[in-house]
PDB file of N, CA and C in Angstrom:
ATOM      1  N   UNK A   1       0.850  -1.178   0.000  1.00  0.00           N
ATOM      2  CA  UNK A   1       0.000   0.000   0.000  1.00  0.00           C
ATOM      3  C   UNK A   1       0.893   1.237   0.000  1.00  0.00           C
ATOM      4  N   UNK A   2       0.688   2.108  -0.955  1.00  0.00           N
ATOM      5  CA  UNK A   2       1.516   3.308  -1.068  1.00  0.00           C
ATOM      6  C   UNK A   2       0.704   4.546  -0.678  1.00  0.00           C
ATOM      7  N   UNK A   3       1.032   5.097   0.483  1.00  0.00           N
ATOM      8  CA  UNK A   3       0.389   6.321   0.967  1.00  0.00           C
ATOM      9  C   UNK A   3       1.508   7.265   1.380  1.00  0.00           C
ATOM     10  N   UNK A   4       1.433   8.488   0.875  1.00  0.00           N
ATOM     11  CA  UNK A   4       2.425   9.471   1.291  1.00  0.00           C
ATOM     12  C   UNK A   4       1.754  10.804   1.544  1.00  0.00           C
ATOM     13  N   UNK A   5       2.494  11.662   2.231  1.00  0.00           N
ATOM     14  CA  UNK A   5       2.010  12.997   2.581  1.00  0.00           C
ATOM     15  C   UNK A   5       2.910  14.008   1.887  1.00  0.00           C
ATOM     16  N   UNK A   6       2.283  15.003   1.260  1.00  0.00           N
ATOM     17  CA  UNK A   6       3.028  16.075   0.600  1.00  0.00           C
ATOM     18  C   UNK A   6       2.322  17.395   0.859  1.00  0.00           C
ATOM     19  N   UNK A   7       3.075  18.475   0.754  1.00  0.00           N
ATOM     20  CA  UNK A   7       2.461  19.800   0.826  1.00  0.00           C
ATOM     21  C   UNK A   7       1.735  20.056  -0.483  1.00  0.00           C
ATOM     22  N   UNK A   8       0.569  20.619  -0.402  1.00  0.00           N
ATOM     23  CA  UNK A   8      -0.253  20.873  -1.580  1.00  0.00           C
ATOM     24  C   UNK A   8       0.396  21.911  -2.493  1.00  0.00           C
ATOM     25  N   UNK A   9       1.291  22.702  -1.958  1.00  0.00           N
ATOM     26  CA  UNK A   9       1.957  23.732  -2.749  1.00  0.00           C
ATOM     27  C   UNK A   9       3.073  23.169  -3.645  1.00  0.00           C
ATOM     28  N   UNK A  10       3.490  21.927  -3.392  1.00  0.00           N
ATOM     29  CA  UNK A  10       4.504  21.296  -4.232  1.00  0.00           C
ATOM     30  C   UNK A  10       3.867  20.902  -5.560  1.00  0.00           C
ATOM     31  N   UNK A  11       4.620  20.987  -6.659  1.00  0.00           N
ATOM     32  CA  UNK A  11       4.035  20.617  -7.949  1.00  0.00           C
ATOM     33  C   UNK A  11       3.649  19.136  -7.978  1.00  0.00           C
ATOM     34  N   UNK A  12       2.550  18.807  -8.645  1.00  0.00           N
ATOM     35  CA  UNK A  12       2.148  17.399  -8.766  1.00  0.00           C
ATOM     36  C   UNK A  12       3.249  16.581  -9.456  1.00  0.00           C
ATOM     37  N   UNK A  13       3.344  15.325  -9.056  1.00  0.00           N
ATOM     38  CA  UNK A  13       4.304  14.406  -9.661  1.00  0.00           C
ATOM     39  C   UNK A  13       3.544  13.243 -10.288  1.00  0.00           C
ATOM     40  N   UNK A  14       4.105  12.642 -11.330  1.00  0.00           N
ATOM     41  CA  UNK A  14       3.406  11.542 -12.013  1.00  0.00           C
ATOM     42  C   UNK A  14       3.081  10.353 -11.110  1.00  0.00           C
ATOM     43  N   UNK A  15       3.905  10.115 -10.084  1.00  0.00           N
ATOM     44  CA  UNK A  15       3.660   8.949  -9.217  1.00  0.00           C
ATOM     45  C   UNK A  15       2.804   9.283  -7.994  1.00  0.00           C
ATOM     46  N   UNK A  16       2.154  10.453  -7.983  1.00  0.00           N
ATOM     47  CA  UNK A  16       1.272  10.818  -6.862  1.00  0.00           C
ATOM     48  C   UNK A  16       0.060   9.904  -6.770  1.00  0.00           C
ATOM     49  N   UNK A  17      -0.401   9.387  -7.872  1.00  0.00           N
ATOM     50  CA  UNK A  17      -1.619   8.592  -7.859  1.00  0.00           C
ATOM     51  C   UNK A  17      -2.812   9.476  -7.536  1.00  0.00           C
ATOM     52  N   UNK A  18      -3.701   8.981  -6.691  1.00  0.00           N
ATOM     53  CA  UNK A  18      -4.883   9.728  -6.262  1.00  0.00           C
ATOM     54  C   UNK A  18      -4.437  10.845  -5.329  1.00  0.00           C
ATOM     55  N   UNK A  19      -4.743  12.076  -5.691  1.00  0.00           N
ATOM     56  CA  UNK A  19      -4.346  13.241  -4.894  1.00  0.00           C
ATOM     57  C   UNK A  19      -5.547  13.694  -4.064  1.00  0.00           C
ATOM     58  N   UNK A  20      -5.384  13.616  -2.734  1.00  0.00           N
ATOM     59  CA  UNK A  20      -6.488  13.877  -1.816  1.00  0.00           C
ATOM     60  C   UNK A  20      -6.127  15.031  -0.887  1.00  0.00           C
ATOM     61  N   UNK A  21      -6.876  16.118  -0.983  1.00  0.00           N
ATOM     62  CA  UNK A  21      -6.683  17.244  -0.071  1.00  0.00           C
ATOM     63  C   UNK A  21      -7.348  16.895   1.249  1.00  0.00           C
ATOM     64  N   UNK A  22      -6.576  16.952   2.335  1.00  0.00           N
ATOM     65  CA  UNK A  22      -7.116  16.557   3.637  1.00  0.00           C
ATOM     66  C   UNK A  22      -7.208  17.741   4.609  1.00  0.00           C
ATOM     67  N   UNK A  23      -7.248  18.960   4.070  1.00  0.00           N
ATOM     68  CA  UNK A  23      -7.454  20.162   4.880  1.00  0.00           C
ATOM     69  C   UNK A  23      -8.911  20.599   4.767  1.00  0.00           C
ATOM     70  N   UNK A  24      -9.445  21.154   5.829  1.00  0.00           N
ATOM     71  CA  UNK A  24     -10.831  21.613   5.814  1.00  0.00           C
ATOM     72  C   UNK A  24     -11.003  22.857   4.947  1.00  0.00           C
ATOM     73  N   UNK A  25      -9.989  23.727   4.945  1.00  0.00           N
ATOM     74  CA  UNK A  25     -10.053  24.968   4.189  1.00  0.00           C
ATOM     75  C   UNK A  25      -9.171  24.861   2.952  1.00  0.00           C
ATOM     76  N   UNK A  26      -9.600  25.513   1.875  1.00  0.00           N
ATOM     77  CA  UNK A  26      -8.785  25.518   0.667  1.00  0.00           C
ATOM     78  C   UNK A  26      -7.506  26.301   0.945  1.00  0.00           C
ATOM     79  N   UNK A  27      -6.353  25.810   0.495  1.00  0.00           N
ATOM     80  CA  UNK A  27      -5.073  26.487   0.756  1.00  0.00           C
ATOM     81  C   UNK A  27      -5.015  27.879   0.136  1.00  0.00           C
ATOM     82  N   UNK A  28      -4.528  28.822   0.906  1.00  0.00           N
ATOM     83  CA  UNK A  28      -4.427  30.211   0.451  1.00  0.00           C
ATOM     84  C   UNK A  28      -3.501  30.338  -0.747  1.00  0.00           C
ATOM     85  N   UNK A  29      -3.938  31.155  -1.697  1.00  0.00           N
ATOM     86  CA  UNK A  29      -3.097  31.501  -2.833  1.00  0.00           C
ATOM     87  C   UNK A  29      -2.896  30.404  -3.856  1.00  0.00           C
ATOM     88  N   UNK A  30      -3.649  29.327  -3.759  1.00  0.00           N
ATOM     89  CA  UNK A  30      -3.475  28.206  -4.683  1.00  0.00           C
ATOM     90  C   UNK A  30      -4.696  28.079  -5.583  1.00  0.00           C
ATOM     91  N   UNK A  31      -4.464  28.146  -6.882  1.00  0.00           N
ATOM     92  CA  UNK A  31      -5.564  27.982  -7.834  1.00  0.00           C
ATOM     93  C   UNK A  31      -5.995  26.517  -7.861  1.00  0.00           C
ATOM     94  N   UNK A  32      -7.293  26.297  -7.936  1.00  0.00           N
ATOM     95  CA  UNK A  32      -7.804  24.925  -7.906  1.00  0.00           C
ATOM     96  C   UNK A  32      -7.275  24.080  -9.054  1.00  0.00           C
ATOM     97  N   UNK A  33      -7.124  24.653 -10.232  1.00  0.00           N
ATOM     98  CA  UNK A  33      -6.629  23.849 -11.353  1.00  0.00           C
ATOM     99  C   UNK A  33      -5.146  23.513 -11.183  1.00  0.00           C
ATOM    100  N   UNK A  34      -4.379  24.361 -10.529  1.00  0.00           N
ATOM    101  CA  UNK A  34      -2.956  24.100 -10.311  1.00  0.00           C
ATOM    102  C   UNK A  34      -2.734  23.000  -9.278  1.00  0.00           C
ATOM    103  N   UNK A  35      -3.660  22.834  -8.355  1.00  0.00           N
ATOM    104  CA  UNK A  35      -3.507  21.858  -7.274  1.00  0.00           C
ATOM    105  C   UNK A  35      -3.714  20.422  -7.750  1.00  0.00           C
ATOM    106  N   UNK A  36      -4.486  20.261  -8.809  1.00  0.00           N
ATOM    107  CA  UNK A  36      -4.806  18.919  -9.318  1.00  0.00           C
ATOM    108  C   UNK A  36      -5.261  17.971  -8.200  1.00  0.00           C
ATOM    109  N   UNK A  37      -6.263  18.403  -7.476  1.00  0.00           N
ATOM    110  CA  UNK A  37      -6.836  17.606  -6.396  1.00  0.00           C
ATOM    111  C   UNK A  37      -7.922  16.716  -6.982  1.00  0.00           C
ATOM    112  N   UNK A  38      -7.842  15.412  -6.680  1.00  0.00           N
ATOM    113  CA  UNK A  38      -8.845  14.461  -7.166  1.00  0.00           C
ATOM    114  C   UNK A  38     -10.028  14.335  -6.206  1.00  0.00           C
ATOM    115  N   UNK A  39      -9.743  14.412  -4.910  1.00  0.00           N
ATOM    116  CA  UNK A  39     -10.791  14.282  -3.898  1.00  0.00           C
ATOM    117  C   UNK A  39     -10.518  15.277  -2.780  1.00  0.00           C
ATOM    118  N   UNK A  40     -11.613  15.702  -2.125  1.00  0.00           N
ATOM    119  CA  UNK A  40     -11.516  16.621  -0.992  1.00  0.00           C
ATOM    120  C   UNK A  40     -12.549  16.200   0.049  1.00  0.00           C
ATOM    121  N   UNK A  41     -12.282  15.116   0.784  1.00  0.00           N
ATOM    122  CA  UNK A  41     -13.239  14.615   1.772  1.00  0.00           C
ATOM    123  C   UNK A  41     -13.163  15.389   3.090  1.00  0.00           C
ATOM    124  N   UNK A  42     -13.934  16.456   3.187  1.00  0.00           N
ATOM    125  CA  UNK A  42     -13.870  17.317   4.373  1.00  0.00           C
ATOM    126  C   UNK A  42     -14.249  16.582   5.657  1.00  0.00           C
ATOM    127  N   UNK A  43     -14.997  15.482   5.519  1.00  0.00           N
ATOM    128  CA  UNK A  43     -15.376  14.698   6.694  1.00  0.00           C
ATOM    129  C   UNK A  43     -14.203  13.973   7.340  1.00  0.00           C
ATOM    130  N   UNK A  44     -13.049  13.955   6.679  1.00  0.00           N
ATOM    131  CA  UNK A  44     -11.844  13.338   7.254  1.00  0.00           C
ATOM    132  C   UNK A  44     -10.950  14.354   7.956  1.00  0.00           C
ATOM    133  N   UNK A  45     -11.309  15.612   7.888  1.00  0.00           N
ATOM    134  CA  UNK A  45     -10.452  16.644   8.465  1.00  0.00           C
ATOM    135  C   UNK A  45     -10.766  16.825   9.950  1.00  0.00           C
ATOM    136  N   UNK A  46      -9.797  17.299  10.720  1.00  0.00           N
ATOM    137  CA  UNK A  46     -10.065  17.555  12.138  1.00  0.00           C
ATOM    138  C   UNK A  46     -11.160  18.613  12.299  1.00  0.00           C
ATOM    139  N   UNK A  47     -11.911  18.501  13.363  1.00  0.00           N
ATOM    140  CA  UNK A  47     -12.940  19.502  13.636  1.00  0.00           C
ATOM    141  C   UNK A  47     -12.279  20.865  13.820  1.00  0.00           C
ATOM    142  N   UNK A  48     -13.052  21.907  13.605  1.00  0.00           N
ATOM    143  CA  UNK A  48     -12.544  23.266  13.784  1.00  0.00           C
ATOM    144  C   UNK A  48     -12.003  23.452  15.191  1.00  0.00           C
ATOM    145  N   UNK A  49     -12.713  22.916  16.187  1.00  0.00           N
ATOM    146  CA  UNK A  49     -12.285  23.064  17.581  1.00  0.00           C
ATOM    147  C   UNK A  49     -10.941  22.385  17.810  1.00  0.00           C
ATOM    148  N   UNK A  50     -10.776  21.164  17.289  1.00  0.00           N
ATOM    149  CA  UNK A  50      -9.522  20.440  17.486  1.00  0.00           C
ATOM    150  C   UNK A  50      -8.373  21.142  16.755  1.00  0.00           C
ATOM    151  N   UNK A  51      -8.641  21.591  15.546  1.00  0.00           N
ATOM    152  CA  UNK A  51      -7.619  22.287  14.761  1.00  0.00           C
ATOM    153  C   UNK A  51      -7.158  23.549  15.494  1.00  0.00           C
ATOM    154  N   UNK A  52      -8.097  24.331  15.986  1.00  0.00           N
ATOM    155  CA  UNK A  52      -7.744  25.567  16.714  1.00  0.00           C
ATOM    156  C   UNK A  52      -6.970  25.259  17.996  1.00  0.00           C
ATOM    157  N   UNK A  53      -7.405  24.219  18.713  1.00  0.00           N
ATOM    158  CA  UNK A  53      -6.740  23.821  19.956  1.00  0.00           C
ATOM    159  C   UNK A  53      -5.278  23.468  19.678  1.00  0.00           C
ATOM    160  N   UNK A  54      -5.049  22.666  18.644  1.00  0.00           N
ATOM    161  CA  UNK A  54      -3.690  22.214  18.336  1.00  0.00           C
ATOM    162  C   UNK A  54      -2.814  23.377  17.853  1.00  0.00           C
ATOM    163  N   UNK A  55      -3.343  24.219  16.988  1.00  0.00           N
ATOM    164  CA  UNK A  55      -2.559  25.331  16.452  1.00  0.00           C
ATOM    165  C   UNK A  55      -2.301  26.419  17.494  1.00  0.00           C
ATOM    166  N   UNK A  56      -3.081  26.437  18.547  1.00  0.00           N
ATOM    167  CA  UNK A  56      -2.838  27.394  19.630  1.00  0.00           C
ATOM    168  C   UNK A  56      -1.700  26.927  20.538  1.00  0.00           C
ATOM    169  N   UNK A  57      -1.215  25.700  20.314  1.00  0.00           N
ATOM    170  CA  UNK A  57      -0.104  25.179  21.104  1.00  0.00           C
ATOM    171  C   UNK A  57      -0.509  24.707  22.482  1.00  0.00           C
ATOM    172  N   UNK A  58      -1.783  24.335  22.636  1.00  0.00           N
ATOM    173  CA  UNK A  58      -2.283  23.947  23.947  1.00  0.00           C
ATOM    174  C   UNK A  58      -2.014  22.494  24.311  1.00  0.00           C
ATOM    175  N   UNK A  59      -1.548  21.702  23.353  1.00  0.00           N
ATOM    176  CA  UNK A  59      -1.310  20.293  23.642  1.00  0.00           C
ATOM    177  C   UNK A  59      -0.223  19.729  22.752  1.00  0.00           C
ATOM    178  N   UNK A  60       0.178  18.516  23.077  1.00  0.00           N
ATOM    179  CA  UNK A  60       1.235  17.851  22.328  1.00  0.00           C
ATOM    180  C   UNK A  60       0.670  17.198  21.059  1.00  0.00           C
ATOM    181  N   UNK A  61       1.563  16.838  20.158  1.00  0.00           N
ATOM    182  CA  UNK A  61       1.156  16.134  18.950  1.00  0.00           C
ATOM    183  C   UNK A  61       0.524  14.794  19.316  1.00  0.00           C
ATOM    184  N   UNK A  62       1.057  14.134  20.326  1.00  0.00           N
ATOM    185  CA  UNK A  62       0.515  12.835  20.747  1.00  0.00           C
ATOM    186  C   UNK A  62      -0.930  12.979  21.234  1.00  0.00           C
ATOM    187  N   UNK A  63      -1.200  14.037  21.996  1.00  0.00           N
ATOM    188  CA  UNK A  63      -2.572  14.265  22.460  1.00  0.00           C
ATOM    189  C   UNK A  63      -3.480  14.627  21.283  1.00  0.00           C
ATOM    190  N   UNK A  64      -2.963  15.431  20.356  1.00  0.00           N
ATOM    191  CA  UNK A  64      -3.717  15.759  19.149  1.00  0.00           C
ATOM    192  C   UNK A  64      -4.069  14.476  18.397  1.00  0.00           C
ATOM    193  N   UNK A  65      -3.078  13.600  18.225  1.00  0.00           N
ATOM    194  CA  UNK A  65      -3.295  12.335  17.526  1.00  0.00           C
ATOM    195  C   UNK A  65      -4.434  11.541  18.175  1.00  0.00           C
ATOM    196  N   UNK A  66      -4.407  11.423  19.495  1.00  0.00           N
ATOM    197  CA  UNK A  66      -5.451  10.672  20.211  1.00  0.00           C
ATOM    198  C   UNK A  66      -6.833  11.283  19.971  1.00  0.00           C
ATOM    199  N   UNK A  67      -6.923  12.599  20.094  1.00  0.00           N
ATOM    200  CA  UNK A  67      -8.213  13.279  19.903  1.00  0.00           C
ATOM    201  C   UNK A  67      -8.701  13.154  18.460  1.00  0.00           C
ATOM    202  N   UNK A  68      -7.776  13.282  17.521  1.00  0.00           N
ATOM    203  CA  UNK A  68      -8.145  13.193  16.111  1.00  0.00           C
ATOM    204  C   UNK A  68      -8.579  11.772  15.750  1.00  0.00           C
ATOM    205  N   UNK A  69      -7.860  10.779  16.242  1.00  0.00           N
ATOM    206  CA  UNK A  69      -8.263   9.392  15.976  1.00  0.00           C
ATOM    207  C   UNK A  69      -9.646   9.111  16.558  1.00  0.00           C
ATOM    208  N   UNK A  70      -9.965   9.711  17.692  1.00  0.00           N
ATOM    209  CA  UNK A  70     -11.301   9.554  18.273  1.00  0.00           C
ATOM    210  C   UNK A  70     -12.351  10.164  17.343  1.00  0.00           C
ATOM    211  N   UNK A  71     -12.048  11.330  16.757  1.00  0.00           N
ATOM    212  CA  UNK A  71     -12.984  11.940  15.802  1.00  0.00           C
ATOM    213  C   UNK A  71     -13.157  11.051  14.571  1.00  0.00           C
ATOM    214  N   UNK A  72     -12.071  10.441  14.127  1.00  0.00           N
ATOM    215  CA  UNK A  72     -12.123   9.597  12.928  1.00  0.00           C
ATOM    216  C   UNK A  72     -12.895   8.296  13.151  1.00  0.00           C
ATOM    217  N   UNK A  73     -13.181   7.977  14.387  1.00  0.00           N
ATOM    218  CA  UNK A  73     -13.966   6.776  14.686  1.00  0.00           C
ATOM    219  C   UNK A  73     -15.462   7.016  14.463  1.00  0.00           C
ATOM    220  N   UNK A  74     -15.866   8.268  14.275  1.00  0.00           N
ATOM    221  CA  UNK A  74     -17.266   8.586  14.003  1.00  0.00           C
ATOM    222  C   UNK A  74     -17.714   7.962  12.694  1.00  0.00           C
ATOM    223  N   UNK A  75     -19.011   7.784  12.540  1.00  0.00           N
ATOM    224  CA  UNK A  75     -19.568   7.050  11.403  1.00  0.00           C
ATOM    225  C   UNK A  75     -19.160   7.620  10.039  1.00  0.00           C
ATOM    226  N   UNK A  76     -19.334   8.933   9.847  1.00  0.00           N
ATOM    227  CA  UNK A  76     -19.012   9.527   8.550  1.00  0.00           C
ATOM    228  C   UNK A  76     -17.520   9.402   8.236  1.00  0.00           C
ATOM    229  N   UNK A  77     -16.679   9.778   9.199  1.00  0.00           N
ATOM    230  CA  UNK A  77     -15.233   9.736   8.983  1.00  0.00           C
ATOM    231  C   UNK A  77     -14.751   8.306   8.774  1.00  0.00           C
ATOM    232  N   UNK A  78     -15.279   7.369   9.538  1.00  0.00           N
ATOM    233  CA  UNK A  78     -14.868   5.967   9.393  1.00  0.00           C
ATOM    234  C   UNK A  78     -15.198   5.448   7.997  1.00  0.00           C
ATOM    235  N   UNK A  79     -16.345   5.817   7.471  1.00  0.00           N
ATOM    236  CA  UNK A  79     -16.720   5.407   6.118  1.00  0.00           C
ATOM    237  C   UNK A  79     -15.798   6.010   5.071  1.00  0.00           C
ATOM    238  N   UNK A  80     -15.473   7.283   5.225  1.00  0.00           N
ATOM    239  CA  UNK A  80     -14.550   7.943   4.295  1.00  0.00           C
ATOM    240  C   UNK A  80     -13.147   7.331   4.383  1.00  0.00           C
ATOM    241  N   UNK A  81     -12.729   7.005   5.596  1.00  0.00           N
ATOM    242  CA  UNK A  81     -11.422   6.391   5.798  1.00  0.00           C
ATOM    243  C   UNK A  81     -11.370   5.018   5.130  1.00  0.00           C
ATOM    244  N   UNK A  82     -12.443   4.245   5.260  1.00  0.00           N
ATOM    245  CA  UNK A  82     -12.511   2.936   4.598  1.00  0.00           C
ATOM    246  C   UNK A  82     -12.419   3.085   3.081  1.00  0.00           C
ATOM    247  N   UNK A  83     -13.106   4.081   2.532  1.00  0.00           N
ATOM    248  CA  UNK A  83     -13.052   4.316   1.093  1.00  0.00           C
ATOM    249  C   UNK A  83     -11.653   4.674   0.630  1.00  0.00           C
ATOM    250  N   UNK A  84     -10.986   5.504   1.400  1.00  0.00           N
ATOM    251  CA  UNK A  84      -9.623   5.901   1.061  1.00  0.00           C
ATOM    252  C   UNK A  84      -8.665   4.724   1.203  1.00  0.00           C
ATOM    253  N   UNK A  85      -8.899   3.903   2.206  1.00  0.00           N
ATOM    254  CA  UNK A  85      -8.086   2.701   2.393  1.00  0.00           C
ATOM    255  C   UNK A  85      -8.239   1.773   1.182  1.00  0.00           C
ATOM    256  N   UNK A  86      -9.452   1.662   0.670  1.00  0.00           N
ATOM    257  CA  UNK A  86      -9.691   0.857  -0.529  1.00  0.00           C
ATOM    258  C   UNK A  86      -8.962   1.418  -1.732  1.00  0.00           C
ATOM    259  N   UNK A  87      -8.964   2.735  -1.880  1.00  0.00           N
ATOM    260  CA  UNK A  87      -8.227   3.368  -2.977  1.00  0.00           C
ATOM    261  C   UNK A  87      -6.731   3.092  -2.853  1.00  0.00           C
ATOM    262  N   UNK A  88      -6.216   3.116  -1.635  1.00  0.00           N
ATOM    263  CA  UNK A  88      -4.785   2.886  -1.416  1.00  0.00           C
ATOM    264  C   UNK A  88      -4.394   1.445  -1.732  1.00  0.00           C
ATOM    265  N   UNK A  89      -5.337   0.531  -1.629  1.00  0.00           N
ATOM    266  CA  UNK A  89      -5.043  -0.862  -1.979  1.00  0.00           C
ATOM    267  C   UNK A  89      -4.880  -1.048  -3.485  1.00  0.00           C
ATOM    268  N   UNK A  90      -5.473  -0.163  -4.275  1.00  0.00           N
ATOM    269  CA  UNK A  90      -5.448  -0.322  -5.723  1.00  0.00           C
ATOM    270  C   UNK A  90      -4.417   0.565  -6.413  1.00  0.00           C
ATOM    271  N   UNK A  91      -3.820   1.503  -5.692  1.00  0.00           N
ATOM    272  CA  UNK A  91      -2.818   2.374  -6.295  1.00  0.00           C
ATOM    273  C   UNK A  91      -2.318   3.397  -5.300  1.00  0.00           C
ATOM    274  N   UNK A  92      -1.338   4.181  -5.704  1.00  0.00           N
ATOM    275  CA  UNK A  92      -0.782   5.170  -4.786  1.00  0.00           C
ATOM    276  C   UNK A  92      -1.792   6.256  -4.425  1.00  0.00           C
ATOM    277  N   UNK A  93      -1.681   6.714  -3.176  1.00  0.00           N
ATOM    278  CA  UNK A  93      -2.511   7.814  -2.675  1.00  0.00           C
ATOM    279  C   UNK A  93      -1.575   8.839  -2.053  1.00  0.00           C
ATOM    280  N   UNK A  94      -1.760  10.089  -2.438  1.00  0.00           N
ATOM    281  CA  UNK A  94      -0.986  11.183  -1.864  1.00  0.00           C
ATOM    282  C   UNK A  94      -1.939  12.090  -1.104  1.00  0.00           C
ATOM    283  N   UNK A  95      -1.690  12.218   0.205  1.00  0.00           N
ATOM    284  CA  UNK A  95      -2.478  13.107   1.054  1.00  0.00           C
ATOM    285  C   UNK A  95      -1.834  14.483   1.003  1.00  0.00           C
ATOM    286  N   UNK A  96      -2.627  15.474   0.649  1.00  0.00           N
ATOM    287  CA  UNK A  96      -2.127  16.836   0.471  1.00  0.00           C
ATOM    288  C   UNK A  96      -2.574  17.734   1.613  1.00  0.00           C
ATOM    289  N   UNK A  97      -1.651  18.537   2.110  1.00  0.00           N
ATOM    290  CA  UNK A  97      -1.957  19.472   3.182  1.00  0.00           C
ATOM    291  C   UNK A  97      -1.166  20.760   2.986  1.00  0.00           C
ATOM    292  N   UNK A  98      -1.702  21.851   3.489  1.00  0.00           N
ATOM    293  CA  UNK A  98      -0.994  23.127   3.466  1.00  0.00           C
ATOM    294  C   UNK A  98      -0.107  23.286   4.697  1.00  0.00           C
ATOM    295  N   UNK A  99      -0.176  22.344   5.596  1.00  0.00           N
ATOM    296  CA  UNK A  99       0.595  22.411   6.833  1.00  0.00           C
ATOM    297  C   UNK A  99       2.083  22.623   6.544  1.00  0.00           C
ATOM    298  N   UNK A 100       2.713  23.494   7.332  1.00  0.00           N
ATOM    299  CA  UNK A 100       4.142  23.753   7.160  1.00  0.00           C
ATOM    300  C   UNK A 100       4.992  22.588   7.660  1.00  0.00           C
ATOM    301  N   UNK A 101       4.420  21.754   8.521  1.00  0.00           N
ATOM    302  CA  UNK A 101       5.133  20.586   9.046  1.00  0.00           C
ATOM    303  C   UNK A 101       4.239  19.357   8.845  1.00  0.00           C
ATOM    304  N   UNK A 102       4.190  18.840   7.625  1.00  0.00           N
ATOM    305  CA  UNK A 102       3.268  17.733   7.321  1.00  0.00           C
ATOM    306  C   UNK A 102       3.470  16.498   8.188  1.00  0.00           C
ATOM    307  N   UNK A 103       4.681  16.255   8.655  1.00  0.00           N
ATOM    308  CA  UNK A 103       4.945  15.050   9.449  1.00  0.00           C
ATOM    309  C   UNK A 103       4.415  15.147  10.881  1.00  0.00           C
ATOM    310  N   UNK A 104       4.017  16.335  11.300  1.00  0.00           N
ATOM    311  CA  UNK A 104       3.414  16.513  12.630  1.00  0.00           C
ATOM    312  C   UNK A 104       2.039  17.151  12.472  1.00  0.00           C
ATOM    313  N   UNK A 105       1.319  16.654  11.480  1.00  0.00           N
ATOM    314  CA  UNK A 105       0.001  17.197  11.176  1.00  0.00           C
ATOM    315  C   UNK A 105      -1.022  16.071  11.119  1.00  0.00           C
ATOM    316  N   UNK A 106      -2.259  16.465  10.937  1.00  0.00           N
ATOM    317  CA  UNK A 106      -3.342  15.487  10.797  1.00  0.00           C
ATOM    318  C   UNK A 106      -3.123  14.586   9.583  1.00  0.00           C
ATOM    319  N   UNK A 107      -2.440  15.092   8.553  1.00  0.00           N
ATOM    320  CA  UNK A 107      -2.182  14.285   7.353  1.00  0.00           C
ATOM    321  C   UNK A 107      -1.301  13.090   7.697  1.00  0.00           C
ATOM    322  N   UNK A 108      -0.327  13.278   8.575  1.00  0.00           N
ATOM    323  CA  UNK A 108       0.532  12.170   8.999  1.00  0.00           C
ATOM    324  C   UNK A 108      -0.269  11.146   9.798  1.00  0.00           C
ATOM    325  N   UNK A 109      -1.194  11.621  10.621  1.00  0.00           N
ATOM    326  CA  UNK A 109      -2.058  10.710  11.389  1.00  0.00           C
ATOM    327  C   UNK A 109      -2.908   9.877  10.424  1.00  0.00           C
ATOM    328  N   UNK A 110      -3.491  10.543   9.437  1.00  0.00           N
ATOM    329  CA  UNK A 110      -4.292   9.834   8.439  1.00  0.00           C
ATOM    330  C   UNK A 110      -3.462   8.798   7.690  1.00  0.00           C
ATOM    331  N   UNK A 111      -2.262   9.173   7.279  1.00  0.00           N
ATOM    332  CA  UNK A 111      -1.391   8.246   6.551  1.00  0.00           C
ATOM    333  C   UNK A 111      -1.103   7.016   7.400  1.00  0.00           C
ATOM    334  N   UNK A 112      -0.807   7.209   8.677  1.00  0.00           N
ATOM    335  CA  UNK A 112      -0.551   6.078   9.576  1.00  0.00           C
ATOM    336  C   UNK A 112      -1.773   5.176   9.679  1.00  0.00           C
ATOM    337  N   UNK A 113      -2.953   5.784   9.812  1.00  0.00           N
ATOM    338  CA  UNK A 113      -4.180   4.991   9.918  1.00  0.00           C
ATOM    339  C   UNK A 113      -4.450   4.202   8.638  1.00  0.00           C
ATOM    340  N   UNK A 114      -4.178   4.811   7.502  1.00  0.00           N
ATOM    341  CA  UNK A 114      -4.404   4.122   6.232  1.00  0.00           C
ATOM    342  C   UNK A 114      -3.459   2.937   6.065  1.00  0.00           C
ATOM    343  N   UNK A 115      -2.272   3.051   6.596  1.00  0.00           N
ATOM    344  CA  UNK A 115      -1.292   1.972   6.468  1.00  0.00           C
ATOM    345  C   UNK A 115      -1.549   0.823   7.441  1.00  0.00           C
ATOM    346  N   UNK A 116      -2.263   1.111   8.519  1.00  0.00           N
ATOM    347  CA  UNK A 116      -2.589   0.071   9.496  1.00  0.00           C
ATOM    348  C   UNK A 116      -3.671  -0.835   8.946  1.00  0.00           C
ATOM    349  N   UNK A 117      -3.632  -2.066   9.361  1.00  0.00           N
ATOM    350  CA  UNK A 117      -4.692  -2.984   8.985  1.00  0.00           C
ATOM    351  C   UNK A 117      -5.946  -2.620   9.777  1.00  0.00           C
ATOM    352  N   UNK A 118      -7.059  -2.596   9.079  1.00  0.00           N
ATOM    353  CA  UNK A 118      -8.330  -2.256   9.739  1.00  0.00           C
ATOM    354  C   UNK A 118      -8.696  -3.356  10.727  1.00  0.00           C
ATOM    355  N   UNK A 119      -9.044  -2.982  11.975  1.00  0.00           N
ATOM    356  CA  UNK A 119      -9.434  -3.988  12.971  1.00  0.00           C
ATOM    357  C   UNK A 119     -10.702  -4.708  12.536  1.00  0.00           C
ATOM    358  N   UNK A 120     -10.747  -5.989  12.825  1.00  0.00           N
ATOM    359  CA  UNK A 120     -11.945  -6.781  12.511  1.00  0.00           C
ATOM    360  C   UNK A 120     -13.022  -6.437  13.524  1.00  0.00           C
ATOM    361  N   UNK A 121     -14.246  -6.495  13.090  1.00  0.00           N
ATOM    362  CA  UNK A 121     -15.299  -6.231  14.065  1.00  0.00           C
ATOM    363  C   UNK A 121     -16.504  -5.836  13.387  1.00  0.00           C
TER     364      UNK A 121
END
């Protein structure tokens, strides 16, 4: 399964596969046609409250991860995550974010979840 995280401001590459924007807000200063986004599942993005809490520096990345994974367990997000996991099984998926530090962002959490085997149940 090939899942990677890239900044949305980087030029698209041929091996990106399915390009999925995982930010709730459209990135500033980026034209939609230049971004070449294939999907924009807003239901997979952190809630506004969680995003504001994390960006205010009120908690650690580990605590953010726990809270975000709890949000992703909700019905809508879980369904979207399953769909994205299915896409990743059939080809490369690139998660796009405007975050300045993609490896300590919600996109990295999503990538980790997509790479994990889905629990049976």
